[in-house]
Amino acid sequence: MISRKPATAESDVLSGVRRLERGLRLAARDAERATGLSAAQLFLLEKLSDAEASSIADLAARTHTDRSSVSVVVDRLAAAGLVKRSPSPEDRRRSETRITARGRAVLARAPLSPTAALVGALRGMAASKVRQLASVLAVLNEELGYTEATMLFEDGADG
């Protein structure tokens, strides 16, 4: 009979990270197959279908990421004809971003983006657990020296 060592906390963490990474990666792959878009592009389309963005900063806040990452993804969506940027009627220095009919058609056949699923799961958790998770992830990232991040699943945004 083979004796098995009890699981360690490190084993539990690695198992949890592997399950999360695999689930998100497979969901991102499914989204890309269904739409031809990255999961980040799909997430932006979802946010734009909720409400038009008054600015890149507004869209960055709604997607929980930085403006430069959002701008790169919006540019790709605009080049594909899925969103349209136009000057703001209130402030011509700013542009508004709207989802196009073509973007809505893509969204209609798309699965939920992995980022939207993740945000939904976080919103379903107790706020104290989400704060605890954020704190632990911050410590782990600091320990690993990971300081920068772009939108989830937008590899080309890393530069």
Protein backbone atom coordinates (compact mmCIF):
# COMPACT_ATOMS: atom_id res chain seq x y z
CA MET A 1 0.00 0.00 0.00
CA ILE A 2 1.36 3.40 -1.03
CA SER A 3 1.26 6.04 1.64
CA ARG A 4 0.21 9.49 0.53
CA LYS A 5 1.45 12.61 2.22
CA PRO A 6 -1.26 15.00 3.30
CA ALA A 7 -1.72 18.01 1.04
CA THR A 8 0.24 21.05 2.02
CA ALA A 9 -0.97 24.62 1.84
CA GLU A 10 1.43 25.15 -1.09
CA SER A 11 -0.14 22.19 -2.91
CA ASP A 12 -3.59 23.62 -2.31
CA VAL A 13 -2.53 27.03 -3.65
CA LEU A 14 -0.88 25.53 -6.74
CA SER A 15 -3.93 23.36 -7.39
CA GLY A 16 -6.23 26.38 -7.05
CA VAL A 17 -4.09 28.49 -9.38
CA ARG A 18 -3.95 25.67 -11.95
CA ARG A 19 -7.74 25.20 -11.88
CA LEU A 20 -8.35 28.94 -12.21
CA GLU A 21 -5.79 29.38 -14.99
CA ARG A 22 -7.10 26.37 -16.92
CA GLY A 23 -10.73 27.42 -16.60
CA LEU A 24 -10.05 30.98 -17.70
CA ARG A 25 -7.75 29.86 -20.54
CA LEU A 26 -10.33 27.39 -21.89
CA ALA A 27 -13.10 29.99 -21.64
CA ALA A 28 -10.91 32.50 -23.49
CA ARG A 29 -10.21 29.93 -26.21
CA ASP A 30 -13.95 29.17 -26.56
CA ALA A 31 -14.72 32.89 -26.83
CA GLU A 32 -12.06 33.34 -29.50
CA ARG A 33 -13.37 30.36 -31.49
CA ALA A 34 -16.94 31.67 -31.32
CA THR A 35 -16.14 35.27 -32.22
CA GLY A 36 -12.64 35.54 -33.68
CA LEU A 37 -11.91 38.10 -30.96
CA SER A 38 -9.65 37.97 -27.95
CA ALA A 39 -11.43 37.60 -24.63
CA ALA A 40 -10.32 41.16 -23.78
CA GLN A 41 -11.99 42.47 -26.95
CA LEU A 42 -15.15 40.54 -26.10
CA PHE A 43 -15.16 41.97 -22.56
CA LEU A 44 -14.94 45.52 -23.94
CA LEU A 45 -17.81 44.84 -26.33
CA GLU A 46 -19.87 43.56 -23.39
CA LYS A 47 -19.14 46.74 -21.43
CA LEU A 48 -20.00 48.92 -24.43
CA SER A 49 -23.28 47.07 -24.91
CA ASP A 50 -24.17 47.95 -21.29
CA ALA A 51 -23.61 51.68 -21.93
CA GLU A 52 -21.64 53.87 -24.32
CA ALA A 53 -18.30 55.06 -23.04
CA SER A 54 -17.92 58.78 -22.61
CA SER A 55 -14.15 58.38 -22.70
CA ILE A 56 -11.35 55.85 -22.63
CA ALA A 57 -10.94 56.68 -18.93
CA ASP A 58 -14.61 55.81 -18.35
CA LEU A 59 -14.20 52.50 -20.19
CA ALA A 60 -10.98 51.76 -18.29
CA ALA A 61 -12.82 52.25 -15.00
CA ARG A 62 -15.67 49.99 -16.11
CA THR A 63 -13.24 47.25 -17.21
CA HIS A 64 -11.04 47.54 -14.09
CA THR A 65 -7.88 48.24 -16.09
CA ASP A 66 -5.66 51.07 -17.24
CA ARG A 67 -6.38 53.54 -20.06
CA SER A 68 -3.45 52.52 -22.26
CA SER A 69 -4.54 48.85 -22.32
CA VAL A 70 -8.13 49.84 -23.10
CA SER A 71 -7.01 52.18 -25.85
CA VAL A 72 -5.05 49.41 -27.60
CA VAL A 73 -8.05 47.06 -27.49
CA VAL A 74 -10.49 49.76 -28.62
CA ASP A 75 -8.21 50.54 -31.57
CA ARG A 76 -8.33 46.88 -32.62
CA LEU A 77 -12.12 46.78 -32.29
CA ALA A 78 -12.44 50.00 -34.30
CA ALA A 79 -10.19 48.62 -37.05
CA ALA A 80 -12.50 45.59 -37.25
CA GLY A 81 -15.58 47.82 -37.48
CA LEU A 82 -17.00 46.57 -34.17
CA VAL A 83 -16.86 49.93 -32.40
CA LYS A 84 -16.86 53.52 -33.57
CA ARG A 85 -15.02 56.41 -31.99
CA SER A 86 -16.33 59.91 -32.47
CA PRO A 87 -15.63 63.29 -30.91
CA SER A 88 -17.66 64.03 -27.81
CA PRO A 89 -20.34 66.68 -28.41
CA GLU A 90 -19.54 68.17 -24.98
CA ASP A 91 -15.75 68.20 -25.33
CA ARG A 92 -14.21 67.83 -28.80
CA ARG A 93 -10.86 66.86 -27.24
CA ARG A 94 -12.39 63.61 -25.99
CA SER A 95 -13.80 60.79 -28.04
CA GLU A 96 -16.79 58.62 -27.31
CA THR A 97 -16.76 54.93 -28.11
CA ARG A 98 -19.90 53.12 -29.26
CA ILE A 99 -20.55 49.54 -30.24
CA THR A 100 -21.63 49.20 -33.88
CA ALA A 101 -24.38 46.98 -35.30
CA ARG A 102 -21.64 44.61 -36.43
CA GLY A 103 -20.26 44.55 -32.87
CA ARG A 104 -23.73 43.77 -31.48
CA ALA A 105 -24.08 40.91 -33.98
CA VAL A 106 -20.78 39.42 -32.80
CA LEU A 107 -21.85 39.83 -29.20
CA ALA A 108 -25.19 38.11 -29.87
CA ARG A 109 -23.44 34.85 -30.79
CA ALA A 110 -20.69 35.12 -28.20
CA PRO A 111 -20.36 33.27 -24.93
CA LEU A 112 -19.84 35.29 -21.76
CA SER A 113 -16.27 36.56 -21.64
CA PRO A 114 -14.06 34.93 -19.01
CA THR A 115 -13.41 38.32 -17.42
CA ALA A 116 -17.14 39.00 -17.09
CA ALA A 117 -17.57 35.53 -15.56
CA LEU A 118 -14.74 36.24 -13.11
CA VAL A 119 -16.20 39.64 -12.15
CA GLY A 120 -19.60 37.99 -11.69
CA ALA A 121 -18.11 35.33 -9.42
CA LEU A 122 -16.32 38.01 -7.37
CA ARG A 123 -19.57 39.95 -7.01
CA GLY A 124 -21.23 36.77 -5.76
CA MET A 125 -18.68 36.43 -2.97
CA ALA A 126 -18.80 38.20 0.38
CA ALA A 127 -17.09 41.59 0.16
CA SER A 128 -14.75 40.64 3.00
CA LYS A 129 -13.57 37.56 1.07
CA VAL A 130 -12.96 39.64 -2.08
CA ARG A 131 -10.90 42.15 -0.07
CA GLN A 132 -8.97 39.28 1.52
CA LEU A 133 -8.30 37.72 -1.89
CA ALA A 134 -7.15 41.07 -3.29
CA SER A 135 -4.79 41.53 -0.37
CA VAL A 136 -3.30 38.04 -0.68
CA LEU A 137 -2.86 38.40 -4.45
CA ALA A 138 -1.12 41.76 -3.95
CA VAL A 139 1.35 40.15 -1.53
CA LEU A 140 1.94 37.19 -3.86
CA ASN A 141 2.52 39.45 -6.88
CA GLU A 142 4.88 41.63 -4.86
CA GLU A 143 6.82 38.56 -3.73
CA LEU A 144 7.10 37.41 -7.34
CA GLY A 145 8.06 40.88 -8.58
CA TYR A 146 5.03 41.16 -10.87
CA THR A 147 4.22 44.85 -11.04
CA GLU A 148 2.60 45.49 -14.40
CA ALA A 149 -0.55 44.07 -15.95
CA THR A 150 -2.67 44.72 -19.01
CA MET A 151 -6.20 43.53 -19.72
CA LEU A 152 -6.76 39.83 -19.15
CA PHE A 153 -6.29 37.82 -22.36
CA GLU A 154 -4.87 40.64 -24.47
CA ASP A 155 -1.35 39.36 -25.04
CA GLY A 156 -0.60 41.88 -27.77
CA ALA A 157 -1.14 44.72 -25.29
CA ASP A 158 2.01 43.71 -23.37
CA GLY A 159 4.20 45.18 -26.08
